[in-house]
Amino acid sequence: MHDFVEHALDLLRKHDMAGFAGLWAEDGVLEFPFAGPGYPKRVEGRDAIREYLRDYPNLLDIREVTAKTVHETTDPAVVVVEFTVAGVVVATRKPYELSYIAVITVSDGFISHYRDYWSPLAAAEILGGAAELTAAFGG
């Protein structure tokens, strides 16, 4: 699982969102447990995930992963990853740093379920406000 996580984070650093989305199974799920009103709670299917992630590099230019901890679980198919990325907000050219926790389930070499725990408030702050966050990630 460590190699899988490293590969996924490397794709993010390279802004390869199609490659990152390609890690999902055809029927894989991307879930946002902390999504607020007006934001998607789930994105289902590799194609929908690819579309959802497509413009991410136009919003946030990830430059580096500044922290990473991978927690193995009692289920060999599940890993919990705590990570922080740093980069530049594309619209403002201001630096940012944002932390995530991901609970990832991998089946047959692909992500079947990815629960993405991130702070919408922190994202709104770095993007310049709630309206900018809604424009970027709203459903």
N, C-alpha and C. Protein backbone atom coordinates (compact mmCIF):
# COMPACT_ATOMS: atom_id res chain seq x y z
N MET A 1 0.81 -1.20 0.00
CA MET A 1 0.00 0.00 0.00
C MET A 1 0.85 1.26 0.00
N HIS A 2 2.01 1.21 0.63
CA HIS A 2 2.86 2.40 0.66
C HIS A 2 3.23 2.84 -0.77
N ASP A 3 3.56 1.88 -1.63
CA ASP A 3 3.91 2.22 -3.02
C ASP A 3 2.71 2.82 -3.75
N PHE A 4 1.53 2.30 -3.50
CA PHE A 4 0.31 2.81 -4.12
C PHE A 4 0.09 4.27 -3.70
N VAL A 5 0.24 4.55 -2.42
CA VAL A 5 0.07 5.91 -1.90
C VAL A 5 1.12 6.84 -2.51
N GLU A 6 2.36 6.40 -2.55
CA GLU A 6 3.42 7.23 -3.14
C GLU A 6 3.11 7.56 -4.60
N HIS A 7 2.65 6.56 -5.34
CA HIS A 7 2.30 6.77 -6.75
C HIS A 7 1.17 7.79 -6.87
N ALA A 8 0.13 7.66 -6.04
CA ALA A 8 -1.00 8.59 -6.08
C ALA A 8 -0.54 10.02 -5.78
N LEU A 9 0.27 10.20 -4.75
CA LEU A 9 0.74 11.54 -4.40
C LEU A 9 1.66 12.10 -5.48
N ASP A 10 2.44 11.23 -6.11
CA ASP A 10 3.30 11.68 -7.21
C ASP A 10 2.45 12.20 -8.38
N LEU A 11 1.36 11.52 -8.68
CA LEU A 11 0.46 11.98 -9.75
C LEU A 11 -0.11 13.36 -9.42
N LEU A 12 -0.46 13.58 -8.15
CA LEU A 12 -0.96 14.90 -7.73
C LEU A 12 0.11 15.97 -7.91
N ARG A 13 1.34 15.66 -7.48
CA ARG A 13 2.45 16.63 -7.63
C ARG A 13 2.70 16.96 -9.10
N LYS A 14 2.48 15.98 -9.97
CA LYS A 14 2.71 16.19 -11.41
C LYS A 14 1.49 16.79 -12.11
N HIS A 15 0.44 17.07 -11.33
CA HIS A 15 -0.81 17.64 -11.88
C HIS A 15 -1.46 16.69 -12.90
N ASP A 16 -1.24 15.41 -12.75
CA ASP A 16 -1.81 14.41 -13.65
C ASP A 16 -3.13 13.92 -13.07
N MET A 17 -4.16 14.73 -13.23
CA MET A 17 -5.45 14.39 -12.65
C MET A 17 -6.10 13.22 -13.38
N ALA A 18 -5.87 13.10 -14.68
CA ALA A 18 -6.40 11.95 -15.41
C ALA A 18 -5.75 10.67 -14.89
N GLY A 19 -4.46 10.72 -14.65
CA GLY A 19 -3.77 9.56 -14.08
C GLY A 19 -4.24 9.26 -12.67
N PHE A 20 -4.44 10.31 -11.87
CA PHE A 20 -4.93 10.13 -10.51
C PHE A 20 -6.32 9.50 -10.52
N ALA A 21 -7.22 10.02 -11.35
CA ALA A 21 -8.56 9.46 -11.47
C ALA A 21 -8.50 8.02 -12.00
N GLY A 22 -7.50 7.73 -12.81
CA GLY A 22 -7.33 6.38 -13.36
C GLY A 22 -7.00 5.34 -12.31
N LEU A 23 -6.67 5.77 -11.09
CA LEU A 23 -6.41 4.83 -10.00
C LEU A 23 -7.70 4.21 -9.47
N TRP A 24 -8.85 4.83 -9.80
CA TRP A 24 -10.14 4.32 -9.32
C TRP A 24 -10.62 3.16 -10.17
N ALA A 25 -11.34 2.26 -9.55
CA ALA A 25 -12.05 1.20 -10.27
C ALA A 25 -13.15 1.86 -11.10
N GLU A 26 -13.60 1.17 -12.13
CA GLU A 26 -14.69 1.70 -12.98
C GLU A 26 -15.87 2.18 -12.15
N ASP A 27 -16.20 1.44 -11.10
CA ASP A 27 -17.34 1.79 -10.25
C ASP A 27 -16.90 2.35 -8.90
N GLY A 28 -15.66 2.85 -8.84
CA GLY A 28 -15.13 3.39 -7.59
C GLY A 28 -15.89 4.62 -7.12
N VAL A 29 -15.72 4.92 -5.85
CA VAL A 29 -16.44 6.02 -5.22
C VAL A 29 -15.43 6.97 -4.55
N LEU A 30 -15.65 8.27 -4.76
CA LEU A 30 -14.94 9.33 -4.05
C LEU A 30 -15.97 9.99 -3.15
N GLU A 31 -15.73 9.93 -1.85
CA GLU A 31 -16.72 10.42 -0.88
C GLU A 31 -16.13 11.55 -0.05
N PHE A 32 -16.97 12.56 0.26
CA PHE A 32 -16.57 13.72 1.04
C PHE A 32 -17.46 13.82 2.29
N PRO A 33 -17.10 13.14 3.37
CA PRO A 33 -17.95 13.13 4.56
C PRO A 33 -18.20 14.51 5.16
N PHE A 34 -17.29 15.47 4.98
CA PHE A 34 -17.45 16.80 5.56
C PHE A 34 -18.00 17.81 4.57
N ALA A 35 -18.51 17.36 3.44
CA ALA A 35 -19.05 18.28 2.44
C ALA A 35 -20.23 19.06 3.02
N GLY A 36 -20.22 20.35 2.77
CA GLY A 36 -21.31 21.19 3.25
C GLY A 36 -22.46 21.23 2.26
N PRO A 37 -23.52 21.93 2.62
CA PRO A 37 -24.66 22.08 1.72
C PRO A 37 -24.22 22.65 0.37
N GLY A 38 -24.72 22.06 -0.70
CA GLY A 38 -24.38 22.54 -2.03
C GLY A 38 -23.13 21.90 -2.63
N TYR A 39 -22.47 21.04 -1.87
CA TYR A 39 -21.27 20.37 -2.35
C TYR A 39 -21.56 18.89 -2.49
N PRO A 40 -20.94 18.23 -3.45
CA PRO A 40 -21.21 16.80 -3.61
C PRO A 40 -20.69 16.00 -2.42
N LYS A 41 -21.49 15.07 -1.96
CA LYS A 41 -21.07 14.15 -0.89
C LYS A 41 -20.37 12.93 -1.47
N ARG A 42 -20.73 12.58 -2.72
CA ARG A 42 -20.17 11.41 -3.38
C ARG A 42 -20.03 11.68 -4.87
N VAL A 43 -18.96 11.14 -5.42
CA VAL A 43 -18.79 11.12 -6.87
C VAL A 43 -18.58 9.64 -7.20
N GLU A 44 -19.43 9.11 -8.07
CA GLU A 44 -19.41 7.67 -8.33
C GLU A 44 -19.00 7.36 -9.75
N GLY A 45 -18.05 6.44 -9.89
CA GLY A 45 -17.56 6.00 -11.19
C GLY A 45 -16.31 6.74 -11.62
N ARG A 46 -15.39 6.00 -12.23
CA ARG A 46 -14.11 6.57 -12.66
C ARG A 46 -14.29 7.79 -13.57
N ASP A 47 -15.22 7.70 -14.54
CA ASP A 47 -15.40 8.82 -15.47
C ASP A 47 -15.89 10.07 -14.75
N ALA A 48 -16.82 9.91 -13.82
CA ALA A 48 -17.32 11.06 -13.06
C ALA A 48 -16.23 11.64 -12.16
N ILE A 49 -15.41 10.77 -11.59
CA ILE A 49 -14.30 11.23 -10.75
C ILE A 49 -13.28 11.98 -11.61
N ARG A 50 -12.99 11.46 -12.78
CA ARG A 50 -12.07 12.15 -13.70
C ARG A 50 -12.58 13.56 -14.03
N GLU A 51 -13.87 13.65 -14.32
CA GLU A 51 -14.47 14.95 -14.64
C GLU A 51 -14.43 15.89 -13.43
N TYR A 52 -14.73 15.36 -12.25
CA TYR A 52 -14.71 16.17 -11.03
C TYR A 52 -13.31 16.74 -10.76
N LEU A 53 -12.27 15.94 -10.99
CA LEU A 53 -10.90 16.34 -10.68
C LEU A 53 -10.21 17.12 -11.80
N ARG A 54 -10.80 17.13 -12.97
CA ARG A 54 -10.15 17.67 -14.17
C ARG A 54 -9.55 19.06 -13.98
N ASP A 55 -10.28 19.98 -13.39
CA ASP A 55 -9.82 21.36 -13.30
C ASP A 55 -9.05 21.69 -12.02
N TYR A 56 -8.83 20.71 -11.16
CA TYR A 56 -8.14 20.96 -9.90
C TYR A 56 -6.82 21.71 -10.09
N PRO A 57 -5.96 21.32 -11.05
CA PRO A 57 -4.70 22.05 -11.22
C PRO A 57 -4.87 23.51 -11.67
N ASN A 58 -6.05 23.85 -12.19
CA ASN A 58 -6.31 25.25 -12.56
C ASN A 58 -6.71 26.08 -11.35
N LEU A 59 -6.99 25.42 -10.24
CA LEU A 59 -7.36 26.10 -8.99
C LEU A 59 -6.20 26.14 -8.03
N LEU A 60 -5.60 24.98 -7.80
CA LEU A 60 -4.51 24.84 -6.85
C LEU A 60 -3.33 24.17 -7.53
N ASP A 61 -2.21 24.85 -7.53
CA ASP A 61 -0.98 24.34 -8.11
C ASP A 61 -0.18 23.66 -7.00
N ILE A 62 -0.36 22.35 -6.87
CA ILE A 62 0.36 21.60 -5.84
C ILE A 62 1.84 21.56 -6.20
N ARG A 63 2.68 21.98 -5.29
CA ARG A 63 4.13 21.99 -5.51
C ARG A 63 4.84 20.89 -4.74
N GLU A 64 4.33 20.58 -3.54
CA GLU A 64 5.00 19.55 -2.73
C GLU A 64 4.06 18.98 -1.68
N VAL A 65 4.42 17.80 -1.24
CA VAL A 65 3.77 17.18 -0.10
C VAL A 65 4.69 17.47 1.08
N THR A 66 4.18 18.26 2.04
CA THR A 66 5.04 18.70 3.14
C THR A 66 4.99 17.78 4.35
N ALA A 67 3.98 16.93 4.41
CA ALA A 67 3.88 15.96 5.50
C ALA A 67 3.09 14.76 4.99
N LYS A 68 3.45 13.58 5.48
CA LYS A 68 2.73 12.37 5.06
C LYS A 68 2.94 11.29 6.11
N THR A 69 1.82 10.71 6.54
CA THR A 69 1.87 9.55 7.42
C THR A 69 0.89 8.53 6.86
N VAL A 70 1.37 7.31 6.67
CA VAL A 70 0.53 6.23 6.17
C VAL A 70 0.29 5.25 7.31
N HIS A 71 -0.98 5.02 7.61
CA HIS A 71 -1.37 4.10 8.68
C HIS A 71 -1.94 2.83 8.06
N GLU A 72 -1.27 1.73 8.29
CA GLU A 72 -1.82 0.43 7.89
C GLU A 72 -2.97 0.11 8.83
N THR A 73 -3.93 -0.66 8.36
CA THR A 73 -5.06 -1.05 9.20
C THR A 73 -5.09 -2.57 9.32
N THR A 74 -6.02 -3.07 10.10
CA THR A 74 -6.16 -4.52 10.24
C THR A 74 -6.68 -5.17 8.98
N ASP A 75 -7.27 -4.35 8.09
CA ASP A 75 -7.73 -4.83 6.78
C ASP A 75 -6.65 -4.48 5.76
N PRO A 76 -5.99 -5.46 5.15
CA PRO A 76 -4.90 -5.14 4.22
C PRO A 76 -5.33 -4.35 2.99
N ALA A 77 -6.63 -4.26 2.72
CA ALA A 77 -7.12 -3.49 1.58
C ALA A 77 -7.36 -2.02 1.92
N VAL A 78 -7.25 -1.66 3.21
CA VAL A 78 -7.56 -0.30 3.65
C VAL A 78 -6.33 0.35 4.26
N VAL A 79 -6.11 1.61 3.86
CA VAL A 79 -5.03 2.40 4.42
C VAL A 79 -5.58 3.78 4.75
N VAL A 80 -5.04 4.38 5.80
CA VAL A 80 -5.39 5.75 6.18
C VAL A 80 -4.15 6.61 5.96
N VAL A 81 -4.33 7.68 5.20
CA VAL A 81 -3.20 8.55 4.86
C VAL A 81 -3.49 9.96 5.35
N GLU A 82 -2.59 10.49 6.17
CA GLU A 82 -2.62 11.89 6.57
C GLU A 82 -1.57 12.59 5.73
N PHE A 83 -1.97 13.65 5.03
CA PHE A 83 -0.97 14.35 4.24
C PHE A 83 -1.30 15.83 4.12
N THR A 84 -0.27 16.61 3.90
CA THR A 84 -0.40 18.05 3.72
C THR A 84 0.28 18.40 2.41
N VAL A 85 -0.41 19.18 1.60
CA VAL A 85 0.18 19.66 0.35
C VAL A 85 0.35 21.17 0.43
N ALA A 86 1.36 21.64 -0.26
CA ALA A 86 1.64 23.06 -0.34
C ALA A 86 1.79 23.44 -1.79
N GLY A 87 1.43 24.65 -2.09
CA GLY A 87 1.55 25.13 -3.46
C GLY A 87 1.11 26.56 -3.58
N VAL A 88 0.49 26.86 -4.71
CA VAL A 88 0.08 28.22 -5.04
C VAL A 88 -1.37 28.20 -5.50
N VAL A 89 -2.16 29.14 -5.00
CA VAL A 89 -3.52 29.32 -5.51
C VAL A 89 -3.38 29.98 -6.88
N VAL A 90 -3.85 29.33 -7.91
CA VAL A 90 -3.62 29.79 -9.28
C VAL A 90 -4.18 31.20 -9.50
N ALA A 91 -5.39 31.48 -9.05
CA ALA A 91 -6.04 32.77 -9.31
C ALA A 91 -5.34 33.94 -8.65
N THR A 92 -4.80 33.72 -7.45
CA THR A 92 -4.19 34.82 -6.69
C THR A 92 -2.67 34.78 -6.65
N ARG A 93 -2.10 33.64 -7.02
CA ARG A 93 -0.66 33.39 -6.94
C ARG A 93 -0.14 33.41 -5.51
N LYS A 94 -1.05 33.28 -4.54
CA LYS A 94 -0.66 33.24 -3.13
C LYS A 94 -0.33 31.80 -2.73
N PRO A 95 0.66 31.66 -1.85
CA PRO A 95 1.00 30.32 -1.37
C PRO A 95 -0.10 29.77 -0.46
N TYR A 96 -0.20 28.46 -0.40
CA TYR A 96 -1.17 27.82 0.48
C TYR A 96 -0.60 26.52 0.99
N GLU A 97 -1.21 26.02 2.06
CA GLU A 97 -0.92 24.70 2.59
C GLU A 97 -2.25 24.15 3.10
N LEU A 98 -2.57 22.91 2.75
CA LEU A 98 -3.85 22.32 3.11
C LEU A 98 -3.64 20.86 3.49
N SER A 99 -4.28 20.45 4.59
CA SER A 99 -4.13 19.08 5.09
C SER A 99 -5.36 18.24 4.78
N TYR A 100 -5.12 16.96 4.61
CA TYR A 100 -6.17 16.00 4.28
C TYR A 100 -5.96 14.73 5.09
N ILE A 101 -7.02 14.00 5.28
CA ILE A 101 -6.95 12.61 5.74
C ILE A 101 -7.78 11.82 4.74
N ALA A 102 -7.21 10.77 4.21
CA ALA A 102 -7.91 9.92 3.24
C ALA A 102 -7.95 8.49 3.77
N VAL A 103 -9.12 7.90 3.69
CA VAL A 103 -9.28 6.48 4.00
C VAL A 103 -9.53 5.81 2.66
N ILE A 104 -8.57 4.98 2.26
CA ILE A 104 -8.56 4.43 0.91
C ILE A 104 -8.69 2.91 0.96
N THR A 105 -9.64 2.41 0.19
CA THR A 105 -9.81 0.96 0.05
C THR A 105 -9.43 0.59 -1.38
N VAL A 106 -8.52 -0.36 -1.51
CA VAL A 106 -8.03 -0.79 -2.82
C VAL A 106 -8.43 -2.24 -3.04
N SER A 107 -9.06 -2.49 -4.19
CA SER A 107 -9.46 -3.85 -4.58
C SER A 107 -8.96 -4.12 -5.99
N ASP A 108 -8.30 -5.24 -6.18
CA ASP A 108 -7.78 -5.62 -7.49
C ASP A 108 -6.91 -4.53 -8.11
N GLY A 109 -6.15 -3.81 -7.28
CA GLY A 109 -5.21 -2.81 -7.77
C GLY A 109 -5.80 -1.44 -8.05
N PHE A 110 -7.09 -1.26 -7.79
CA PHE A 110 -7.75 0.03 -8.03
C PHE A 110 -8.49 0.48 -6.76
N ILE A 111 -8.67 1.79 -6.66
CA ILE A 111 -9.41 2.34 -5.53
C ILE A 111 -10.89 2.03 -5.72
N SER A 112 -11.46 1.35 -4.74
CA SER A 112 -12.90 1.10 -4.79
C SER A 112 -13.65 2.15 -3.97
N HIS A 113 -13.00 2.68 -2.94
CA HIS A 113 -13.63 3.69 -2.10
C HIS A 113 -12.55 4.60 -1.52
N TYR A 114 -12.74 5.90 -1.66
CA TYR A 114 -11.80 6.90 -1.15
C TYR A 114 -12.62 7.91 -0.38
N ARG A 115 -12.45 7.94 0.94
CA ARG A 115 -13.12 8.94 1.77
C ARG A 115 -12.12 10.07 2.03
N ASP A 116 -12.47 11.25 1.56
CA ASP A 116 -11.59 12.42 1.59
C ASP A 116 -12.05 13.38 2.68
N TYR A 117 -11.28 13.46 3.76
CA TYR A 117 -11.60 14.34 4.88
C TYR A 117 -10.71 15.59 4.77
N TRP A 118 -11.33 16.70 4.41
CA TRP A 118 -10.60 17.97 4.31
C TRP A 118 -11.53 19.05 4.83
N SER A 119 -10.97 20.19 5.15
CA SER A 119 -11.73 21.27 5.76
C SER A 119 -12.22 22.25 4.70
N PRO A 120 -13.53 22.30 4.46
CA PRO A 120 -14.05 23.30 3.54
C PRO A 120 -13.75 24.72 3.99
N LEU A 121 -13.70 24.96 5.30
CA LEU A 121 -13.38 26.30 5.79
C LEU A 121 -11.95 26.70 5.44
N ALA A 122 -11.02 25.77 5.59
CA ALA A 122 -9.63 26.05 5.23
C ALA A 122 -9.50 26.28 3.73
N ALA A 123 -10.22 25.48 2.94
CA ALA A 123 -10.17 25.65 1.49
C ALA A 123 -10.78 26.99 1.08
N ALA A 124 -11.88 27.39 1.71
CA ALA A 124 -12.49 28.69 1.41
C ALA A 124 -11.53 29.82 1.72
N GLU A 125 -10.83 29.69 2.82
CA GLU A 125 -9.86 30.72 3.21
C GLU A 125 -8.75 30.87 2.18
N ILE A 126 -8.20 29.77 1.71
CA ILE A 126 -7.09 29.87 0.76
C ILE A 126 -7.56 30.30 -0.62
N LEU A 127 -8.82 29.97 -0.98
CA LEU A 127 -9.33 30.34 -2.29
C LEU A 127 -9.90 31.76 -2.32
N GLY A 128 -10.07 32.38 -1.16
CA GLY A 128 -10.53 33.76 -1.12
C GLY A 128 -11.95 33.95 -0.65
N GLY A 129 -12.62 32.88 -0.21
CA GLY A 129 -13.96 33.03 0.34
C GLY A 129 -14.88 31.90 -0.06
N ALA A 130 -16.05 31.91 0.55
CA ALA A 130 -17.03 30.85 0.31
C ALA A 130 -17.51 30.83 -1.13
N ALA A 131 -17.67 31.99 -1.75
CA ALA A 131 -18.16 32.04 -3.14
C ALA A 131 -17.15 31.38 -4.07
N GLU A 132 -15.87 31.63 -3.82
CA GLU A 132 -14.82 31.02 -4.65
C GLU A 132 -14.78 29.51 -4.46
N LEU A 133 -14.98 29.07 -3.20
CA LEU A 133 -15.00 27.64 -2.93
C LEU A 133 -16.18 26.98 -3.63
N THR A 134 -17.33 27.61 -3.57
CA THR A 134 -18.52 27.06 -4.23
C THR A 134 -18.31 26.99 -5.73
N ALA A 135 -17.73 28.03 -6.31
CA ALA A 135 -17.48 28.04 -7.75
C ALA A 135 -16.51 26.91 -8.13
N ALA A 136 -15.55 26.63 -7.27
CA ALA A 136 -14.53 25.64 -7.56
C ALA A 136 -15.02 24.20 -7.38
N PHE A 137 -15.74 23.95 -6.28
CA PHE A 137 -16.04 22.57 -5.91
C PHE A 137 -17.52 22.28 -5.73
N GLY A 138 -18.37 23.24 -5.93
CA GLY A 138 -19.80 23.03 -5.72
C GLY A 138 -20.38 22.02 -6.68
N GLY A 139 -21.44 21.40 -6.25
CA GLY A 139 -22.08 20.36 -7.07
C GLY A 139 -23.03 21.02 -7.98
